[in-house]
Protein backbone atom coordinates (compact mmCIF):
# COMPACT_ATOMS: atom_id res chain seq x y z
CA MET A 1 39.63 49.48 -22.77
CA SER A 2 41.59 50.14 -19.60
CA LEU A 3 43.19 47.44 -17.54
CA ARG A 4 40.82 48.26 -14.67
CA GLY A 5 37.78 47.74 -16.92
CA PHE A 6 39.18 44.41 -18.13
CA PHE A 7 39.55 42.98 -14.56
CA GLN A 8 36.06 44.32 -13.63
CA ASN A 9 34.47 42.50 -16.57
CA ASN A 10 36.34 39.24 -15.77
CA ARG A 11 35.10 39.49 -12.13
CA ASP A 12 31.49 39.94 -13.29
CA ASP A 13 31.86 36.89 -15.60
CA ARG A 14 33.27 34.83 -12.76
CA ASN A 15 30.38 35.83 -10.58
CA ARG A 16 27.94 34.85 -13.29
CA ILE A 17 29.62 31.48 -13.86
CA THR A 18 29.74 30.73 -10.11
CA ARG A 19 26.05 31.61 -9.69
CA PHE A 20 25.23 29.38 -12.70
CA VAL A 21 27.22 26.43 -11.24
CA ILE A 22 25.56 26.75 -7.85
CA LEU A 23 22.07 27.03 -9.46
CA ALA A 24 22.77 23.94 -11.58
CA PHE A 25 24.01 21.97 -8.57
CA VAL A 26 20.80 22.92 -6.59
CA LEU A 27 18.49 21.89 -9.43
CA VAL A 28 20.27 18.56 -9.97
CA SER A 29 20.13 17.83 -6.22
CA CYS A 30 16.43 18.61 -6.16
CA PHE A 31 15.60 16.33 -9.03
CA SER A 32 17.69 13.42 -7.87
CA SER A 33 16.18 13.44 -4.37
CA ALA A 34 12.71 13.54 -5.78
CA ARG A 35 12.97 10.21 -7.58
CA PRO A 36 10.39 7.65 -6.29
CA GLN A 37 11.71 4.84 -4.14
CA PRO A 38 11.57 1.47 -5.91
CA THR A 39 8.57 -0.72 -5.01
CA PRO A 40 9.59 -3.87 -3.26
CA VAL A 41 9.18 -6.90 -5.45
CA PRO A 42 7.32 -9.87 -3.96
CA GLU A 43 9.46 -12.95 -3.64
CA PRO A 44 8.12 -16.34 -4.87
CA GLY A 45 6.22 -18.06 -2.11
CA THR A 46 5.91 -14.81 -0.04
CA GLY A 47 2.52 -13.29 0.68
CA ILE A 48 -0.87 -13.93 2.27
CA GLU A 49 -3.48 -16.67 1.66
CA GLY A 50 -6.56 -17.49 3.53
CA LEU A 51 -10.34 -17.53 3.90
CA ILE A 52 -12.68 -14.61 4.65
CA THR A 53 -16.08 -15.25 6.15
CA VAL A 54 -18.95 -13.17 7.13
CA SER A 55 -21.45 -13.57 10.01
CA PRO A 56 -24.07 -13.54 11.17
CA ILE A 57 -25.95 -14.47 7.98
CA HIS A 58 -29.46 -14.38 9.38
CA GLY A 59 -31.37 -12.37 11.96
CA GLY A 60 -32.25 -13.66 15.39
CA PRO A 61 -30.50 -16.06 17.67
CA SER A 62 -28.23 -18.95 16.52
CA ARG A 63 -29.97 -22.20 15.89
CA ILE A 64 -28.48 -25.66 16.18
CA GLY A 65 -27.84 -27.10 12.73
CA VAL A 66 -28.11 -23.74 10.99
CA PRO A 67 -24.81 -22.09 9.99
CA ASP A 68 -24.15 -18.59 11.32
CA SER A 69 -21.44 -17.72 8.79
CA LYS A 70 -20.67 -18.16 5.15
CA PRO A 71 -17.69 -17.39 2.81
CA LEU A 72 -17.40 -13.82 1.74
CA ALA A 73 -17.48 -14.41 -2.03
CA ASN A 74 -16.33 -12.04 -4.82
CA VAL A 75 -15.46 -9.11 -2.57
CA THR A 76 -12.33 -6.83 -3.36
CA PHE A 77 -9.91 -5.95 -0.64
CA LEU A 78 -7.18 -3.33 -0.58
CA VAL A 79 -3.72 -4.17 0.81
CA GLU A 80 -1.85 -1.11 2.26
CA ASN A 81 1.53 -0.53 3.96
CA GLU A 82 2.82 2.64 5.59
CA LYS A 83 3.24 4.27 2.16
CA GLY A 84 -0.29 3.59 1.03
CA SER A 85 -2.13 1.09 -1.22
CA VAL A 86 0.20 -1.57 -2.73
CA ALA A 87 -2.16 -4.19 -4.10
CA SER A 88 -5.70 -5.56 -4.14
CA PHE A 89 -7.40 -8.92 -4.37
CA THR A 90 -10.83 -10.44 -4.83
CA THR A 91 -12.06 -13.44 -2.91
CA ASP A 92 -13.29 -16.41 -5.01
CA VAL A 93 -16.76 -17.97 -4.63
CA GLU A 94 -15.53 -19.95 -1.60
CA GLY A 95 -14.13 -16.74 0.11
CA ARG A 96 -10.55 -17.77 -0.53
CA PHE A 97 -7.69 -15.62 -1.74
CA GLN A 98 -3.95 -15.66 -2.33
CA ILE A 99 -1.68 -12.69 -3.03
CA LEU A 100 2.08 -12.39 -3.42
CA LEU A 101 3.63 -9.55 -1.35
CA ALA A 102 7.08 -8.38 -0.36
CA PRO A 103 7.90 -9.00 3.29
CA GLY A 104 6.53 -6.34 5.70
CA HIS A 105 3.49 -5.22 7.79
CA TYR A 106 0.19 -4.73 5.88
CA ARG A 107 -3.33 -3.63 6.62
CA VAL A 108 -6.12 -5.23 4.60
CA SER A 109 -9.67 -3.79 4.29
CA ARG A 110 -12.65 -3.97 2.00
CA LYS A 111 -12.40 -1.81 -1.08
CA ASP A 112 -15.25 0.78 -1.33
CA ALA A 113 -16.42 -0.15 2.20
CA GLN A 114 -19.65 1.59 3.08
CA PRO A 115 -19.65 3.36 6.35
CA LYS A 116 -23.05 1.80 7.04
CA VAL A 117 -23.72 -1.51 8.75
CA GLY A 118 -21.02 -4.15 9.09
CA ARG A 119 -17.26 -4.38 9.57
CA TYR A 120 -14.97 -5.73 6.87
CA GLY A 121 -11.55 -4.97 8.30
CA PRO A 122 -9.05 -3.56 8.65
CA PHE A 123 -7.02 -6.64 9.33
CA ASP A 124 -3.38 -6.41 10.19
CA VAL A 125 -0.90 -8.99 8.96
CA ASP A 126 2.88 -9.44 8.94
CA VAL A 127 4.46 -11.10 5.82
CA VAL A 128 7.73 -13.02 6.33
CA ALA A 129 10.19 -13.71 3.52
CA GLY A 130 9.69 -17.18 1.95
CA GLN A 131 6.46 -17.78 3.65
CA MET A 132 2.75 -17.61 2.72
CA THR A 133 1.09 -16.20 5.81
CA LYS A 134 -2.13 -18.11 6.41
CA VAL A 135 -5.17 -16.14 7.74
CA ALA A 136 -8.79 -16.76 8.55
CA TRP A 137 -10.61 -13.50 8.90
CA SER A 138 -14.20 -13.07 9.94
CA CYS A 139 -16.23 -9.97 8.98
CA ASP A 140 -19.25 -8.73 10.81
CA SER A 141 -22.34 -8.37 8.60
CA GLY A 142 -23.95 -6.04 11.16
CA MET A 143 -27.08 -8.11 10.97
CA ARG A 144 -28.74 -8.77 14.37
């Protein structure tokens, strides 16, 4: 083997090693930036609690002594932030609910909402650290 051939082979090897190192760096960079961001953890005593009602509950005009609304019982709602759905809750038989959430801005709407009659959100709410945000939301049954 000549001296010229020896240096040529070493140059080729160095080029291969350099390309391998660059490729490995690019792959590691891609995978490390693709990691999902951690989900914020709700703090104790931080979230939303309240009552959801629906009205009207009967057709025709309002009548004295006859309620126009009732608690929206056993209905599931989705809680979303700018990244998408983060939680869900179901109202109890009295239309009440409580859910722990990390501080931030949320939009709450009925899960599996039918695009037919009625309006069951969305409701916007801001959650502050260390506080249970109290809400009273009224849904429209669409009944007239």
